Amino acid sequence: MLTIISIAIYIKELSLGALLLVFSDIGARMINPPFETPVGAITALVGVPFFLYLARSERRGL
């Protein structure tokens, strides 16, 4: 069952993910005009270091 707090966290995470993709899309369009760089490449440049940070912090918590 979802509580008010878990719903608020869910909405926050959805908003942050949407903002990441919007800024990645803007960045991809600005890198090499008039051509577009794949948005997935820009998202990966931000997402992979963050994922590695989370993986390392999870391992330390054990």
PDB file of N, CA and C in Angstrom:
ATOM      1  N   MET A   1       0.843  -1.187   0.000  1.00  0.00           N
ATOM      2  CA  MET A   1       0.000   0.000   0.000  1.00  0.00           C
ATOM      3  C   MET A   1       0.882   1.242   0.000  1.00  0.00           C
ATOM      4  N   LEU A   2       0.554   2.170  -0.854  1.00  0.00           N
ATOM      5  CA  LEU A   2       1.332   3.395  -0.946  1.00  0.00           C
ATOM      6  C   LEU A   2       0.879   4.404   0.106  1.00  0.00           C
ATOM      7  N   THR A   3       1.845   4.981   0.769  1.00  0.00           N
ATOM      8  CA  THR A   3       1.540   6.036   1.732  1.00  0.00           C
ATOM      9  C   THR A   3       1.759   7.384   1.067  1.00  0.00           C
ATOM     10  N   ILE A   4       1.399   8.435   1.765  1.00  0.00           N
ATOM     11  CA  ILE A   4       1.568   9.785   1.234  1.00  0.00           C
ATOM     12  C   ILE A   4       3.047  10.080   0.989  1.00  0.00           C
ATOM     13  N   ILE A   5       3.907   9.638   1.893  1.00  0.00           N
ATOM     14  CA  ILE A   5       5.342   9.899   1.755  1.00  0.00           C
ATOM     15  C   ILE A   5       5.908   9.157   0.550  1.00  0.00           C
ATOM     16  N   SER A   6       5.526   7.907   0.362  1.00  0.00           N
ATOM     17  CA  SER A   6       6.054   7.153  -0.776  1.00  0.00           C
ATOM     18  C   SER A   6       5.539   7.719  -2.100  1.00  0.00           C
ATOM     19  N   ILE A   7       4.326   8.226  -2.120  1.00  0.00           N
ATOM     20  CA  ILE A   7       3.803   8.856  -3.332  1.00  0.00           C
ATOM     21  C   ILE A   7       4.575  10.126  -3.633  1.00  0.00           C
ATOM     22  N   ALA A   8       4.896  10.917  -2.604  1.00  0.00           N
ATOM     23  CA  ALA A   8       5.663  12.151  -2.795  1.00  0.00           C
ATOM     24  C   ALA A   8       7.060  11.835  -3.319  1.00  0.00           C
ATOM     25  N   ILE A   9       7.696  10.800  -2.802  1.00  0.00           N
ATOM     26  CA  ILE A   9       9.025  10.401  -3.274  1.00  0.00           C
ATOM     27  C   ILE A   9       8.938   9.922  -4.720  1.00  0.00           C
ATOM     28  N   TYR A  10       7.905   9.178  -5.042  1.00  0.00           N
ATOM     29  CA  TYR A  10       7.708   8.674  -6.405  1.00  0.00           C
ATOM     30  C   TYR A  10       7.564   9.828  -7.393  1.00  0.00           C
ATOM     31  N   ILE A  11       6.766  10.825  -7.036  1.00  0.00           N
ATOM     32  CA  ILE A  11       6.572  11.991  -7.903  1.00  0.00           C
ATOM     33  C   ILE A  11       7.880  12.760  -8.051  1.00  0.00           C
ATOM     34  N   LYS A  12       8.645  12.888  -6.963  1.00  0.00           N
ATOM     35  CA  LYS A  12       9.933  13.582  -7.013  1.00  0.00           C
ATOM     36  C   LYS A  12      10.898  12.864  -7.957  1.00  0.00           C
ATOM     37  N   GLU A  13      10.976  11.553  -7.870  1.00  0.00           N
ATOM     38  CA  GLU A  13      11.874  10.788  -8.721  1.00  0.00           C
ATOM     39  C   GLU A  13      11.453  10.859 -10.187  1.00  0.00           C
ATOM     40  N   LEU A  14      10.166  10.825 -10.451  1.00  0.00           N
ATOM     41  CA  LEU A  14       9.690  10.968 -11.829  1.00  0.00           C
ATOM     42  C   LEU A  14      10.061  12.332 -12.395  1.00  0.00           C
ATOM     43  N   SER A  15       9.931  13.361 -11.577  1.00  0.00           N
ATOM     44  CA  SER A  15      10.264  14.716 -12.016  1.00  0.00           C
ATOM     45  C   SER A  15      11.758  14.849 -12.299  1.00  0.00           C
ATOM     46  N   LEU A  16      12.595  14.280 -11.434  1.00  0.00           N
ATOM     47  CA  LEU A  16      14.038  14.358 -11.649  1.00  0.00           C
ATOM     48  C   LEU A  16      14.459  13.592 -12.900  1.00  0.00           C
ATOM     49  N   GLY A  17      13.864  12.461 -13.151  1.00  0.00           N
ATOM     50  CA  GLY A  17      14.166  11.700 -14.351  1.00  0.00           C
ATOM     51  C   GLY A  17      13.746  12.443 -15.613  1.00  0.00           C
ATOM     52  N   ALA A  18      12.585  13.080 -15.553  1.00  0.00           N
ATOM     53  CA  ALA A  18      12.125  13.860 -16.706  1.00  0.00           C
ATOM     54  C   ALA A  18      13.044  15.045 -16.954  1.00  0.00           C
ATOM     55  N   LEU A  19      13.468  15.718 -15.897  1.00  0.00           N
ATOM     56  CA  LEU A  19      14.386  16.846 -16.055  1.00  0.00           C
ATOM     57  C   LEU A  19      15.727  16.394 -16.633  1.00  0.00           C
ATOM     58  N   LEU A  20      16.212  15.245 -16.196  1.00  0.00           N
ATOM     59  CA  LEU A  20      17.466  14.721 -16.743  1.00  0.00           C
ATOM     60  C   LEU A  20      17.356  14.521 -18.253  1.00  0.00           C
ATOM     61  N   LEU A  21      16.235  13.940 -18.705  1.00  0.00           N
ATOM     62  CA  LEU A  21      16.071  13.710 -20.134  1.00  0.00           C
ATOM     63  C   LEU A  21      15.883  15.008 -20.912  1.00  0.00           C
ATOM     64  N   VAL A  22      15.193  15.979 -20.331  1.00  0.00           N
ATOM     65  CA  VAL A  22      15.012  17.261 -21.015  1.00  0.00           C
ATOM     66  C   VAL A  22      16.356  17.954 -21.191  1.00  0.00           C
ATOM     67  N   PHE A  23      17.154  18.013 -20.114  1.00  0.00           N
ATOM     68  CA  PHE A  23      18.455  18.663 -20.215  1.00  0.00           C
ATOM     69  C   PHE A  23      19.422  17.874 -21.103  1.00  0.00           C
ATOM     70  N   SER A  24      19.301  16.554 -21.111  1.00  0.00           N
ATOM     71  CA  SER A  24      20.122  15.743 -22.019  1.00  0.00           C
ATOM     72  C   SER A  24      19.760  16.027 -23.466  1.00  0.00           C
ATOM     73  N   ASP A  25      18.482  16.169 -23.743  1.00  0.00           N
ATOM     74  CA  ASP A  25      18.039  16.474 -25.096  1.00  0.00           C
ATOM     75  C   ASP A  25      18.530  17.849 -25.534  1.00  0.00           C
ATOM     76  N   ILE A  26      18.432  18.830 -24.654  1.00  0.00           N
ATOM     77  CA  ILE A  26      18.917  20.169 -24.978  1.00  0.00           C
ATOM     78  C   ILE A  26      20.427  20.136 -25.223  1.00  0.00           C
ATOM     79  N   GLY A  27      21.154  19.434 -24.374  1.00  0.00           N
ATOM     80  CA  GLY A  27      22.595  19.322 -24.551  1.00  0.00           C
ATOM     81  C   GLY A  27      22.965  18.615 -25.844  1.00  0.00           C
ATOM     82  N   ALA A  28      22.220  17.563 -26.178  1.00  0.00           N
ATOM     83  CA  ALA A  28      22.500  16.814 -27.410  1.00  0.00           C
ATOM     84  C   ALA A  28      22.268  17.680 -28.640  1.00  0.00           C
ATOM     85  N   ARG A  29      21.308  18.557 -28.584  1.00  0.00           N
ATOM     86  CA  ARG A  29      21.040  19.439 -29.725  1.00  0.00           C
ATOM     87  C   ARG A  29      22.083  20.543 -29.841  1.00  0.00           C
ATOM     88  N   MET A  30      22.707  20.924 -28.721  1.00  0.00           N
ATOM     89  CA  MET A  30      23.657  22.033 -28.722  1.00  0.00           C
ATOM     90  C   MET A  30      25.094  21.596 -29.015  1.00  0.00           C
ATOM     91  N   ILE A  31      25.421  20.334 -28.863  1.00  0.00           N
ATOM     92  CA  ILE A  31      26.802  19.871 -29.007  1.00  0.00           C
ATOM     93  C   ILE A  31      27.304  20.010 -30.442  1.00  0.00           C
ATOM     94  N   ASN A  32      26.519  19.585 -31.412  1.00  0.00           N
ATOM     95  CA  ASN A  32      26.988  19.530 -32.791  1.00  0.00           C
ATOM     96  C   ASN A  32      25.904  20.021 -33.756  1.00  0.00           C
ATOM     97  N   PRO A  33      25.532  21.313 -33.681  1.00  0.00           N
ATOM     98  CA  PRO A  33      24.480  21.780 -34.594  1.00  0.00           C
ATOM     99  C   PRO A  33      24.978  21.774 -36.024  1.00  0.00           C
ATOM    100  N   PRO A  34      24.208  21.553 -37.017  1.00  0.00           N
ATOM    101  CA  PRO A  34      22.774  21.284 -37.072  1.00  0.00           C
ATOM    102  C   PRO A  34      22.439  19.809 -36.896  1.00  0.00           C
ATOM    103  N   PHE A  35      23.417  18.984 -36.585  1.00  0.00           N
ATOM    104  CA  PHE A  35      23.169  17.563 -36.373  1.00  0.00           C
ATOM    105  C   PHE A  35      22.843  17.309 -34.909  1.00  0.00           C
ATOM    106  N   GLU A  36      22.199  16.198 -34.648  1.00  0.00           N
ATOM    107  CA  GLU A  36      21.849  15.854 -33.274  1.00  0.00           C
ATOM    108  C   GLU A  36      22.706  14.686 -32.799  1.00  0.00           C
ATOM    109  N   THR A  37      23.256  14.837 -31.625  1.00  0.00           N
ATOM    110  CA  THR A  37      23.950  13.745 -30.950  1.00  0.00           C
ATOM    111  C   THR A  37      22.875  12.870 -30.302  1.00  0.00           C
ATOM    112  N   PRO A  38      23.034  11.558 -30.277  1.00  0.00           N
ATOM    113  CA  PRO A  38      22.019  10.715 -29.631  1.00  0.00           C
ATOM    114  C   PRO A  38      21.823  11.089 -28.158  1.00  0.00           C
ATOM    115  N   VAL A  39      20.576  11.222 -27.765  1.00  0.00           N
ATOM    116  CA  VAL A  39      20.248  11.609 -26.392  1.00  0.00           C
ATOM    117  C   VAL A  39      20.729  10.552 -25.406  1.00  0.00           C
ATOM    118  N   GLY A  40      20.696   9.301 -25.811  1.00  0.00           N
ATOM    119  CA  GLY A  40      21.148   8.228 -24.932  1.00  0.00           C
ATOM    120  C   GLY A  40      22.614   8.364 -24.557  1.00  0.00           C
ATOM    121  N   ALA A  41      23.413   8.888 -25.462  1.00  0.00           N
ATOM    122  CA  ALA A  41      24.840   9.080 -25.171  1.00  0.00           C
ATOM    123  C   ALA A  41      25.035  10.142 -24.103  1.00  0.00           C
ATOM    124  N   ILE A  42      24.285  11.223 -24.195  1.00  0.00           N
ATOM    125  CA  ILE A  42      24.391  12.300 -23.209  1.00  0.00           C
ATOM    126  C   ILE A  42      23.850  11.830 -21.858  1.00  0.00           C
ATOM    127  N   THR A  43      22.736  11.116 -21.891  1.00  0.00           N
ATOM    128  CA  THR A  43      22.161  10.592 -20.648  1.00  0.00           C
ATOM    129  C   THR A  43      23.136   9.628 -19.976  1.00  0.00           C
ATOM    130  N   ALA A  44      23.815   8.815 -20.765  1.00  0.00           N
ATOM    131  CA  ALA A  44      24.790   7.872 -20.215  1.00  0.00           C
ATOM    132  C   ALA A  44      25.974   8.596 -19.589  1.00  0.00           C
ATOM    133  N   LEU A  45      26.389   9.711 -20.192  1.00  0.00           N
ATOM    134  CA  LEU A  45      27.502  10.472 -19.615  1.00  0.00           C
ATOM    135  C   LEU A  45      27.183  10.962 -18.208  1.00  0.00           C
ATOM    136  N   VAL A  46      25.939  11.257 -17.947  1.00  0.00           N
ATOM    137  CA  VAL A  46      25.527  11.690 -16.610  1.00  0.00           C
ATOM    138  C   VAL A  46      25.158  10.484 -15.744  1.00  0.00           C
ATOM    139  N   GLY A  47      24.452   9.522 -16.323  1.00  0.00           N
ATOM    140  CA  GLY A  47      23.906   8.413 -15.554  1.00  0.00           C
ATOM    141  C   GLY A  47      24.918   7.397 -15.070  1.00  0.00           C
ATOM    142  N   VAL A  48      25.920   7.091 -15.876  1.00  0.00           N
ATOM    143  CA  VAL A  48      26.896   6.063 -15.490  1.00  0.00           C
ATOM    144  C   VAL A  48      27.705   6.468 -14.260  1.00  0.00           C
ATOM    145  N   PRO A  49      28.264   7.680 -14.199  1.00  0.00           N
ATOM    146  CA  PRO A  49      28.977   8.049 -12.972  1.00  0.00           C
ATOM    147  C   PRO A  49      28.078   8.053 -11.731  1.00  0.00           C
ATOM    148  N   PHE A  50      26.833   8.479 -11.914  1.00  0.00           N
ATOM    149  CA  PHE A  50      25.904   8.478 -10.779  1.00  0.00           C
ATOM    150  C   PHE A  50      25.591   7.053 -10.340  1.00  0.00           C
ATOM    151  N   PHE A  51      25.396   6.152 -11.301  1.00  0.00           N
ATOM    152  CA  PHE A  51      25.139   4.757 -10.976  1.00  0.00           C
ATOM    153  C   PHE A  51      26.334   4.138 -10.254  1.00  0.00           C
ATOM    154  N   LEU A  52      27.538   4.424 -10.722  1.00  0.00           N
ATOM    155  CA  LEU A  52      28.731   3.892 -10.055  1.00  0.00           C
ATOM    156  C   LEU A  52      28.859   4.431  -8.630  1.00  0.00           C
ATOM    157  N   TYR A  53      28.521   5.700  -8.447  1.00  0.00           N
ATOM    158  CA  TYR A  53      28.524   6.280  -7.093  1.00  0.00           C
ATOM    159  C   TYR A  53      27.536   5.535  -6.195  1.00  0.00           C
ATOM    160  N   LEU A  54      26.336   5.287  -6.698  1.00  0.00           N
ATOM    161  CA  LEU A  54      25.338   4.561  -5.904  1.00  0.00           C
ATOM    162  C   LEU A  54      25.795   3.134  -5.608  1.00  0.00           C
ATOM    163  N   ALA A  55      26.402   2.473  -6.580  1.00  0.00           N
ATOM    164  CA  ALA A  55      26.865   1.103  -6.380  1.00  0.00           C
ATOM    165  C   ALA A  55      27.967   1.050  -5.322  1.00  0.00           C
ATOM    166  N   ARG A  56      28.858   2.013  -5.343  1.00  0.00           N
ATOM    167  CA  ARG A  56      29.931   2.028  -4.341  1.00  0.00           C
ATOM    168  C   ARG A  56      29.393   2.345  -2.957  1.00  0.00           C
ATOM    169  N   SER A  57      28.443   3.260  -2.868  1.00  0.00           N
ATOM    170  CA  SER A  57      27.901   3.603  -1.544  1.00  0.00           C
ATOM    171  C   SER A  57      27.077   2.451  -0.981  1.00  0.00           C
ATOM    172  N   GLU A  58      26.389   1.692  -1.836  1.00  0.00           N
ATOM    173  CA  GLU A  58      25.640   0.520  -1.375  1.00  0.00           C
ATOM    174  C   GLU A  58      26.580  -0.540  -0.834  1.00  0.00           C
ATOM    175  N   ARG A  59      27.696  -0.720  -1.491  1.00  0.00           N
ATOM    176  CA  ARG A  59      28.655  -1.740  -1.068  1.00  0.00           C
ATOM    177  C   ARG A  59      29.256  -1.382   0.283  1.00  0.00           C
ATOM    178  N   ARG A  60      29.514  -0.105   0.525  1.00  0.00           N
ATOM    179  CA  ARG A  60      30.069   0.316   1.814  1.00  0.00           C
ATOM    180  C   ARG A  60      29.082   0.162   2.942  1.00  0.00           C
ATOM    181  N   GLY A  61      27.798   0.269   2.628  1.00  0.00           N
ATOM    182  CA  GLY A  61      26.776   0.159   3.660  1.00  0.00           C
ATOM    183  C   GLY A  61      26.620  -1.256   4.200  1.00  0.00           C
ATOM    184  N   LEU A  62      27.139  -2.251   3.471  1.00  0.00           N
ATOM    185  CA  LEU A  62      27.018  -3.643   3.921  1.00  0.00           C
ATOM    186  C   LEU A  62      27.983  -3.876   4.986  1.00  0.00           C
TER     187      LEU A  62
END
